[in-house]
Amino acid sequence: MIQTSVTSQPNSANVSTADIRQDPLISKLLNRLPQDIAESYTDTQLLGIKQTLGPKVWGGHFIVNRGTFKIPFIKWRFYYVFLLGKNKRAYTRREKKISVAMLLLSIVATIIVLMLFGLLLVYLLKSALGIDLFPEMSLGIWDQFKQLFG
């Protein structure tokens, strides 16, 4: 059972106290409660619950994929959830600094790896052309390359 869908949540943040009981979130909540408890809530309390629980900024993912699977010879079933969407949460100052540092570290690491790969290619090209910059000295990379690739 796999469900993949594009979701969008209706905006029900602007709910007055007059029609709070018809709000989808509050209505669902009240339907799950025993009737005597559901009727004991005042409109002000329900409005407070609505302000606390809604609107769901964590809803409305671009891709929602949920499913279950069973591994043979194990009696349990397992479930998975894959969510993909734009990150809408606000970062703290510390998270922003860490994010910038990780981005810079990733850029520097990528540049270093590309430079090392470029130097290796230049060294192999130099060796293939028979250019010997330092007589009687070799890193052995060309010999290993010839051994591997003939």
C-alpha atoms as a PDB file:
ATOM      1  CA  MET A   1       0.000   0.000   0.000  1.00  0.00           C
ATOM      2  CA  ILE A   2       1.724   3.136  -1.218  1.00  0.00           C
ATOM      3  CA  GLN A   3       0.107   6.529  -1.283  1.00  0.00           C
ATOM      4  CA  THR A   4       1.828   9.327  -3.157  1.00  0.00           C
ATOM      5  CA  SER A   5       0.015  12.596  -3.442  1.00  0.00           C
ATOM      6  CA  VAL A   6       0.445  16.307  -3.723  1.00  0.00           C
ATOM      7  CA  THR A   7      -1.120  17.898  -0.689  1.00  0.00           C
ATOM      8  CA  SER A   8      -2.247  21.392   0.058  1.00  0.00           C
ATOM      9  CA  GLN A   9      -3.861  22.429   3.294  1.00  0.00           C
ATOM     10  CA  PRO A  10      -6.758  24.888   3.315  1.00  0.00           C
ATOM     11  CA  ASN A  11      -6.078  28.114   5.143  1.00  0.00           C
ATOM     12  CA  SER A  12      -8.373  28.111   8.145  1.00  0.00           C
ATOM     13  CA  ALA A  13      -6.336  30.402  10.383  1.00  0.00           C
ATOM     14  CA  ASN A  14      -8.885  33.228  10.311  1.00  0.00           C
ATOM     15  CA  VAL A  15     -11.707  31.656  12.306  1.00  0.00           C
ATOM     16  CA  SER A  16     -13.949  33.801  14.497  1.00  0.00           C
ATOM     17  CA  THR A  17     -15.446  32.577  17.751  1.00  0.00           C
ATOM     18  CA  ALA A  18     -18.917  32.424  16.154  1.00  0.00           C
ATOM     19  CA  ASP A  19     -18.120  29.539  13.808  1.00  0.00           C
ATOM     20  CA  ILE A  20     -15.219  27.893  15.667  1.00  0.00           C
ATOM     21  CA  ARG A  21     -17.142  24.618  16.059  1.00  0.00           C
ATOM     22  CA  GLN A  22     -17.497  24.326  12.254  1.00  0.00           C
ATOM     23  CA  ASP A  23     -13.752  24.646  11.686  1.00  0.00           C
ATOM     24  CA  PRO A  24     -12.410  21.365  10.205  1.00  0.00           C
ATOM     25  CA  LEU A  25      -9.663  20.963  12.821  1.00  0.00           C
ATOM     26  CA  ILE A  26     -11.940  21.700  15.795  1.00  0.00           C
ATOM     27  CA  SER A  27     -14.783  19.636  14.346  1.00  0.00           C
ATOM     28  CA  LYS A  28     -12.479  16.645  13.943  1.00  0.00           C
ATOM     29  CA  LEU A  29     -11.191  17.096  17.496  1.00  0.00           C
ATOM     30  CA  LEU A  30     -14.678  17.360  18.980  1.00  0.00           C
ATOM     31  CA  ASN A  31     -15.918  14.307  17.059  1.00  0.00           C
ATOM     32  CA  ARG A  32     -13.170  12.201  18.623  1.00  0.00           C
ATOM     33  CA  LEU A  33     -14.085  13.209  22.165  1.00  0.00           C
ATOM     34  CA  PRO A  34     -16.992  11.883  24.209  1.00  0.00           C
ATOM     35  CA  GLN A  35     -20.020  14.134  23.725  1.00  0.00           C
ATOM     36  CA  ASP A  36     -20.174  15.448  27.307  1.00  0.00           C
ATOM     37  CA  ILE A  37     -16.505  16.500  27.172  1.00  0.00           C
ATOM     38  CA  ALA A  38     -16.861  18.003  23.682  1.00  0.00           C
ATOM     39  CA  GLU A  39     -19.819  20.135  24.820  1.00  0.00           C
ATOM     40  CA  SER A  40     -17.945  21.347  27.906  1.00  0.00           C
ATOM     41  CA  TYR A  41     -15.443  23.390  25.866  1.00  0.00           C
ATOM     42  CA  THR A  42     -16.177  27.088  25.530  1.00  0.00           C
ATOM     43  CA  ASP A  43     -15.678  28.903  22.238  1.00  0.00           C
ATOM     44  CA  THR A  44     -12.734  30.766  23.774  1.00  0.00           C
ATOM     45  CA  GLN A  45     -11.061  27.493  24.732  1.00  0.00           C
ATOM     46  CA  LEU A  46     -11.664  26.059  21.258  1.00  0.00           C
ATOM     47  CA  LEU A  47     -10.221  29.204  19.680  1.00  0.00           C
ATOM     48  CA  GLY A  48      -7.123  28.784  21.867  1.00  0.00           C
ATOM     49  CA  ILE A  49      -6.796  25.165  20.745  1.00  0.00           C
ATOM     50  CA  LYS A  50      -7.173  26.273  17.121  1.00  0.00           C
ATOM     51  CA  GLN A  51      -4.469  28.917  17.513  1.00  0.00           C
ATOM     52  CA  THR A  52      -2.150  26.368  19.110  1.00  0.00           C
ATOM     53  CA  LEU A  53      -2.678  23.504  16.673  1.00  0.00           C
ATOM     54  CA  GLY A  54      -3.314  25.330  13.419  1.00  0.00           C
ATOM     55  CA  PRO A  55      -2.457  26.405  10.816  1.00  0.00           C
ATOM     56  CA  LYS A  56      -0.159  23.505  10.137  1.00  0.00           C
ATOM     57  CA  VAL A  57       2.972  24.951   8.566  1.00  0.00           C
ATOM     58  CA  TRP A  58       4.392  21.446   8.627  1.00  0.00           C
ATOM     59  CA  GLY A  59       1.686  20.177   6.292  1.00  0.00           C
ATOM     60  CA  GLY A  60       1.454  20.634   2.568  1.00  0.00           C
ATOM     61  CA  HIS A  61       4.478  18.675   1.458  1.00  0.00           C
ATOM     62  CA  PHE A  62       5.203  18.469  -2.258  1.00  0.00           C
ATOM     63  CA  ILE A  63       5.533  14.666  -2.098  1.00  0.00           C
ATOM     64  CA  VAL A  64       3.970  12.467   0.566  1.00  0.00           C
ATOM     65  CA  ASN A  65       4.813   8.789   0.203  1.00  0.00           C
ATOM     66  CA  ARG A  66       3.707   6.391   2.932  1.00  0.00           C
ATOM     67  CA  GLY A  67       3.674   2.657   2.882  1.00  0.00           C
ATOM     68  CA  THR A  68       4.004  -0.539   4.826  1.00  0.00           C
ATOM     69  CA  PHE A  69       6.007  -3.663   4.220  1.00  0.00           C
ATOM     70  CA  LYS A  70       6.531  -7.032   5.829  1.00  0.00           C
ATOM     71  CA  ILE A  71       9.821  -8.881   6.020  1.00  0.00           C
ATOM     72  CA  PRO A  72       9.419 -12.636   5.516  1.00  0.00           C
ATOM     73  CA  PHE A  73       9.659 -14.805   8.651  1.00  0.00           C
ATOM     74  CA  ILE A  74       9.113 -11.798  10.934  1.00  0.00           C
ATOM     75  CA  LYS A  75       5.633 -11.309  12.340  1.00  0.00           C
ATOM     76  CA  TRP A  76       5.809  -7.503  12.466  1.00  0.00           C
ATOM     77  CA  ARG A  77       4.897  -5.100   9.723  1.00  0.00           C
ATOM     78  CA  PHE A  78       6.968  -1.976   9.232  1.00  0.00           C
ATOM     79  CA  TYR A  79       5.991   1.391   7.836  1.00  0.00           C
ATOM     80  CA  TYR A  80       7.887   4.184   6.149  1.00  0.00           C
ATOM     81  CA  VAL A  81       7.134   7.816   5.437  1.00  0.00           C
ATOM     82  CA  PHE A  82       8.923   9.890   2.811  1.00  0.00           C
ATOM     83  CA  LEU A  83       8.200  13.620   2.811  1.00  0.00           C
ATOM     84  CA  LEU A  84       9.652  16.161   0.424  1.00  0.00           C
ATOM     85  CA  GLY A  85       8.947  19.853   0.479  1.00  0.00           C
ATOM     86  CA  LYS A  86      10.299  23.319   1.057  1.00  0.00           C
ATOM     87  CA  ASN A  87      11.768  23.929   4.500  1.00  0.00           C
ATOM     88  CA  LYS A  88       9.558  26.609   6.058  1.00  0.00           C
ATOM     89  CA  ARG A  89      10.891  26.653   9.579  1.00  0.00           C
ATOM     90  CA  ALA A  90      12.848  29.594  10.916  1.00  0.00           C
ATOM     91  CA  TYR A  91      16.480  28.926  11.705  1.00  0.00           C
ATOM     92  CA  THR A  92      18.087  30.050  14.930  1.00  0.00           C
ATOM     93  CA  ARG A  93      21.188  32.232  14.759  1.00  0.00           C
ATOM     94  CA  ARG A  94      23.337  29.225  15.680  1.00  0.00           C
ATOM     95  CA  GLU A  95      21.765  27.077  12.934  1.00  0.00           C
ATOM     96  CA  LYS A  96      22.372  29.840  10.383  1.00  0.00           C
ATOM     97  CA  LYS A  97      26.048  30.066  11.356  1.00  0.00           C
ATOM     98  CA  ILE A  98      26.447  26.288  11.160  1.00  0.00           C
ATOM     99  CA  SER A  99      24.688  26.243   7.779  1.00  0.00           C
ATOM    100  CA  VAL A 100      27.006  28.911   6.352  1.00  0.00           C
ATOM    101  CA  ALA A 101      30.062  27.142   7.793  1.00  0.00           C
ATOM    102  CA  MET A 102      28.992  23.810   6.281  1.00  0.00           C
ATOM    103  CA  LEU A 103      28.381  25.451   2.906  1.00  0.00           C
ATOM    104  CA  LEU A 104      31.827  27.060   2.938  1.00  0.00           C
ATOM    105  CA  LEU A 105      33.437  23.804   4.086  1.00  0.00           C
ATOM    106  CA  SER A 106      31.681  21.917   1.289  1.00  0.00           C
ATOM    107  CA  ILE A 107      32.827  24.445  -1.315  1.00  0.00           C
ATOM    108  CA  VAL A 108      36.433  24.357  -0.078  1.00  0.00           C
ATOM    109  CA  ALA A 109      36.439  20.534   0.053  1.00  0.00           C
ATOM    110  CA  THR A 110      35.034  20.335  -3.487  1.00  0.00           C
ATOM    111  CA  ILE A 111      37.652  22.760  -4.791  1.00  0.00           C
ATOM    112  CA  ILE A 112      40.458  20.787  -3.113  1.00  0.00           C
ATOM    113  CA  VAL A 113      39.219  17.462  -4.506  1.00  0.00           C
ATOM    114  CA  LEU A 114      38.875  18.922  -8.009  1.00  0.00           C
ATOM    115  CA  MET A 115      42.358  20.452  -7.811  1.00  0.00           C
ATOM    116  CA  LEU A 116      43.877  17.145  -6.696  1.00  0.00           C
ATOM    117  CA  PHE A 117      42.079  15.319  -9.506  1.00  0.00           C
ATOM    118  CA  GLY A 118      43.302  17.935 -11.984  1.00  0.00           C
ATOM    119  CA  LEU A 119      46.880  17.575 -10.724  1.00  0.00           C
ATOM    120  CA  LEU A 120      46.626  13.803 -11.110  1.00  0.00           C
ATOM    121  CA  LEU A 121      45.412  14.197 -14.696  1.00  0.00           C
ATOM    122  CA  VAL A 122      48.217  16.652 -15.505  1.00  0.00           C
ATOM    123  CA  TYR A 123      50.773  14.261 -13.953  1.00  0.00           C
ATOM    124  CA  LEU A 124      49.434  11.319 -15.976  1.00  0.00           C
ATOM    125  CA  LEU A 125      49.452  13.420 -19.164  1.00  0.00           C
ATOM    126  CA  LYS A 126      53.044  14.527 -18.452  1.00  0.00           C
ATOM    127  CA  SER A 127      54.101  10.941 -17.891  1.00  0.00           C
ATOM    128  CA  ALA A 128      52.283   9.726 -21.025  1.00  0.00           C
ATOM    129  CA  LEU A 129      54.121  12.334 -23.099  1.00  0.00           C
ATOM    130  CA  GLY A 130      57.436  11.216 -21.602  1.00  0.00           C
ATOM    131  CA  ILE A 131      58.259  14.538 -19.969  1.00  0.00           C
ATOM    132  CA  ASP A 132      60.649  14.006 -17.060  1.00  0.00           C
ATOM    133  CA  LEU A 133      60.908  17.137 -14.909  1.00  0.00           C
ATOM    134  CA  PHE A 134      63.061  15.608 -12.171  1.00  0.00           C
ATOM    135  CA  PRO A 135      65.482  12.953 -13.441  1.00  0.00           C
ATOM    136  CA  GLU A 136      65.794   9.809 -11.293  1.00  0.00           C
ATOM    137  CA  MET A 137      62.616  10.647  -9.339  1.00  0.00           C
ATOM    138  CA  SER A 138      59.131   9.220  -9.782  1.00  0.00           C
ATOM    139  CA  LEU A 139      56.004   9.009  -7.668  1.00  0.00           C
ATOM    140  CA  GLY A 140      55.146   5.628  -9.175  1.00  0.00           C
ATOM    141  CA  ILE A 141      51.667   6.719 -10.169  1.00  0.00           C
ATOM    142  CA  TRP A 142      52.351   6.312 -13.892  1.00  0.00           C
ATOM    143  CA  ASP A 143      53.685   2.773 -13.368  1.00  0.00           C
ATOM    144  CA  GLN A 144      50.590   1.811 -11.369  1.00  0.00           C
ATOM    145  CA  PHE A 145      48.348   3.396 -13.998  1.00  0.00           C
ATOM    146  CA  LYS A 146      50.067   1.406 -16.775  1.00  0.00           C
ATOM    147  CA  GLN A 147      49.723  -1.783 -14.717  1.00  0.00           C
ATOM    148  CA  LEU A 148      46.012  -1.266 -14.171  1.00  0.00           C
ATOM    149  CA  PHE A 149      45.055  -0.153 -17.677  1.00  0.00           C
ATOM    150  CA  GLY A 150      47.647  -1.931 -19.772  1.00  0.00           C
END
